[in-house]
Protein backbone atom coordinates (compact mmCIF):
# COMPACT_ATOMS: atom_id res chain seq x y z
CA UNK A 1 112.21 122.48 65.82
CA UNK A 2 114.35 121.58 68.86
CA UNK A 3 117.90 120.48 68.12
CA UNK A 4 119.83 117.78 69.98
CA UNK A 5 123.61 117.85 69.69
CA UNK A 6 125.47 114.56 70.13
CA UNK A 7 129.19 115.12 70.77
CA UNK A 8 131.41 112.07 71.01
CA UNK A 9 134.88 110.61 70.75
CA UNK A 10 134.81 107.05 69.40
CA UNK A 11 138.33 105.76 68.75
CA UNK A 12 137.42 102.03 68.76
CA UNK A 13 134.67 99.80 67.36
CA UNK A 14 133.54 99.06 70.92
CA UNK A 15 133.01 102.72 71.73
CA UNK A 16 131.52 103.31 68.26
CA UNK A 17 128.83 100.71 69.01
CA UNK A 18 127.71 102.77 72.01
CA UNK A 19 127.67 105.98 69.99
CA UNK A 20 125.66 104.31 67.23
CA UNK A 21 123.12 103.04 69.76
CA UNK A 22 122.78 106.51 71.35
CA UNK A 23 122.19 108.11 67.96
CA UNK A 24 119.68 105.41 67.00
CA UNK A 25 117.82 106.11 70.25
CA UNK A 26 117.62 109.82 69.47
CA UNK A 27 115.93 108.91 66.21
CA UNK A 28 113.42 106.40 67.59
CA UNK A 29 110.20 106.49 65.56
CA UNK A 30 108.21 107.48 68.66
CA UNK A 31 110.19 110.74 68.89
CA UNK A 32 108.95 113.33 66.44
CA UNK A 33 110.11 116.87 65.76
CA UNK A 34 113.70 116.76 67.02
CA UNK A 35 116.62 117.52 64.75
CA UNK A 36 119.67 115.45 65.72
CA UNK A 37 123.13 116.80 64.93
CA UNK A 38 126.07 114.44 65.48
CA UNK A 39 129.59 115.82 65.79
CA UNK A 40 132.91 114.22 66.64
CA UNK A 41 134.35 116.06 69.64
CA UNK A 42 137.22 117.52 67.60
CA UNK A 43 134.77 119.01 65.09
CA UNK A 44 132.02 120.36 67.36
CA UNK A 45 131.95 124.13 67.74
CA UNK A 46 130.49 126.72 70.07
CA UNK A 47 128.05 127.54 67.28
CA UNK A 48 126.85 123.91 67.40
CA UNK A 49 126.39 124.19 71.16
CA UNK A 50 124.61 127.54 71.02
CA UNK A 51 122.26 126.24 68.33
CA UNK A 52 121.25 123.19 70.37
CA UNK A 53 118.46 122.71 72.89
CA UNK A 54 119.98 119.61 74.49
CA UNK A 55 123.12 117.50 74.44
CA UNK A 56 124.38 113.95 74.66
CA UNK A 57 128.09 113.52 75.33
CA UNK A 58 130.14 110.36 74.91
CA UNK A 59 133.73 109.52 75.75
CA UNK A 60 136.04 106.69 76.60
CA UNK A 61 137.72 106.84 79.99
CA UNK A 62 141.43 107.34 79.32
CA UNK A 63 143.85 107.10 82.22
CA UNK A 64 141.08 108.03 84.64
CA UNK A 65 139.89 111.02 82.64
CA UNK A 66 137.68 111.90 79.68
CA UNK A 67 139.28 111.64 76.26
CA UNK A 68 141.55 114.45 75.15
CA UNK A 69 139.15 115.06 72.27
CA UNK A 70 136.20 115.74 74.58
CA UNK A 71 138.40 117.91 76.81
CA UNK A 72 139.41 119.88 73.69
CA UNK A 73 135.71 120.33 72.89
CA UNK A 74 135.08 121.82 76.32
CA UNK A 75 138.20 123.99 76.12
CA UNK A 76 137.09 125.52 72.82
CA UNK A 77 133.39 126.09 73.60
CA UNK A 78 133.31 126.77 77.34
CA UNK A 79 133.18 130.57 77.59
CA UNK A 80 131.30 131.19 74.37
CA UNK A 81 128.71 128.57 75.34
CA UNK A 82 127.97 130.29 78.63
CA UNK A 83 130.47 128.67 80.95
CA UNK A 84 130.79 130.46 84.26
CA UNK A 85 134.05 131.12 86.08
CA UNK A 86 134.55 132.27 89.65
CA UNK A 87 136.86 135.18 90.45
CA UNK A 88 139.71 132.75 91.09
CA UNK A 89 139.29 131.21 87.61
CA UNK A 90 137.65 127.98 88.78
CA UNK A 91 134.37 126.69 87.36
CA UNK A 92 131.34 128.28 88.94
CA UNK A 93 127.73 127.08 88.81
CA UNK A 94 125.98 128.62 85.83
CA UNK A 95 122.84 130.68 86.31
CA UNK A 96 119.79 130.95 84.09
CA UNK A 97 117.96 128.41 81.96
CA UNK A 98 119.52 124.97 81.97
CA UNK A 99 119.37 122.77 78.88
CA UNK A 100 119.18 118.96 79.31
CA UNK A 101 122.16 116.71 78.78
CA UNK A 102 123.07 113.06 79.03
CA UNK A 103 126.46 111.36 79.27
CA UNK A 104 127.89 107.96 78.46
CA UNK A 105 131.40 106.81 79.33
CA UNK A 106 133.15 103.57 78.38
CA UNK A 107 136.15 102.24 80.23
CA UNK A 108 138.04 99.00 80.51
CA UNK A 109 138.48 99.16 84.29
CA UNK A 110 137.08 102.39 85.71
CA UNK A 111 135.00 105.38 84.61
CA UNK A 112 134.84 107.34 87.87
CA UNK A 113 137.42 110.01 87.05
CA UNK A 114 136.07 110.60 83.55
CA UNK A 115 132.50 111.01 84.82
CA UNK A 116 133.62 113.34 87.60
CA UNK A 117 135.65 115.48 85.17
CA UNK A 118 132.81 115.87 82.67
CA UNK A 119 130.27 116.65 85.39
CA UNK A 120 132.61 119.22 86.91
CA UNK A 121 132.88 121.12 83.63
CA UNK A 122 129.23 120.73 82.67
CA UNK A 123 128.22 122.03 86.10
CA UNK A 124 129.60 125.41 85.03
CA UNK A 125 127.62 125.40 81.77
CA UNK A 126 123.93 126.27 81.49
CA UNK A 127 123.06 122.56 81.27
CA UNK A 128 121.31 120.13 83.63
CA UNK A 129 121.81 116.40 83.90
CA UNK A 130 118.57 114.88 82.64
CA UNK A 131 119.34 111.16 82.63
CA UNK A 132 121.48 108.84 84.68
CA UNK A 133 125.07 108.62 83.45
CA UNK A 134 125.62 105.46 81.44
CA UNK A 135 128.89 103.94 82.63
CA UNK A 136 130.00 100.87 80.69
CA UNK A 137 132.97 98.74 81.70
CA UNK A 138 134.59 96.19 79.40
CA UNK A 139 132.83 94.59 76.50
CA UNK A 140 129.71 96.13 75.00
CA UNK A 141 126.84 93.72 74.57
CA UNK A 142 123.15 93.95 73.87
CA UNK A 143 122.28 95.24 77.36
CA UNK A 144 124.79 98.07 77.09
CA UNK A 145 123.64 99.01 73.60
CA UNK A 146 120.01 98.97 74.80
CA UNK A 147 120.94 101.29 77.68
CA UNK A 148 122.72 103.61 75.23
CA UNK A 149 119.66 103.60 72.96
CA UNK A 150 117.50 104.50 75.95
CA UNK A 151 119.85 107.33 76.95
CA UNK A 152 119.67 108.89 73.49
CA UNK A 153 115.91 108.45 73.34
CA UNK A 154 115.39 109.91 76.80
CA UNK A 155 117.26 113.14 76.11
CA UNK A 156 115.65 113.53 72.67
CA UNK A 157 112.17 112.95 74.12
CA UNK A 158 112.77 115.65 76.73
CA UNK A 159 113.11 118.16 73.90
CA UNK A 160 109.64 117.32 72.61
CA UNK A 161 108.04 118.23 75.95
CA UNK A 162 109.61 121.66 76.23
């Protein structure tokens, strides 16, 4: 059975509402045969990543960057999870099979730097962006939660089609 790993950092009720909607979307009744594993970013391991067939990542935008918790996740799993480095130590595009991933980012004023940072790191992992990035600014309402639900459902559904 394919496994979807949801890795998030949700320090506030606002950000938690997005994470809850993403997870609910991954478990939509129309999606059958996908095991969903949810891990806070500070608890997710390389073993979790290696055992997954797809990923959904979530983070607040903090000072123009992803949360420290999500950065810690990447720092601890990067090489073991197949991250590629160039000779100069910079991230290098990963070769081989690419597993699907989706990303959501919440910010009060801007999410650009956080999205760019995550995509830069993920570009060196054997993953491929499989849904538009969900960028949410300010308050989270029904439309934002619906978009988060759709993001989770989209990535989960991709795992049912191989």
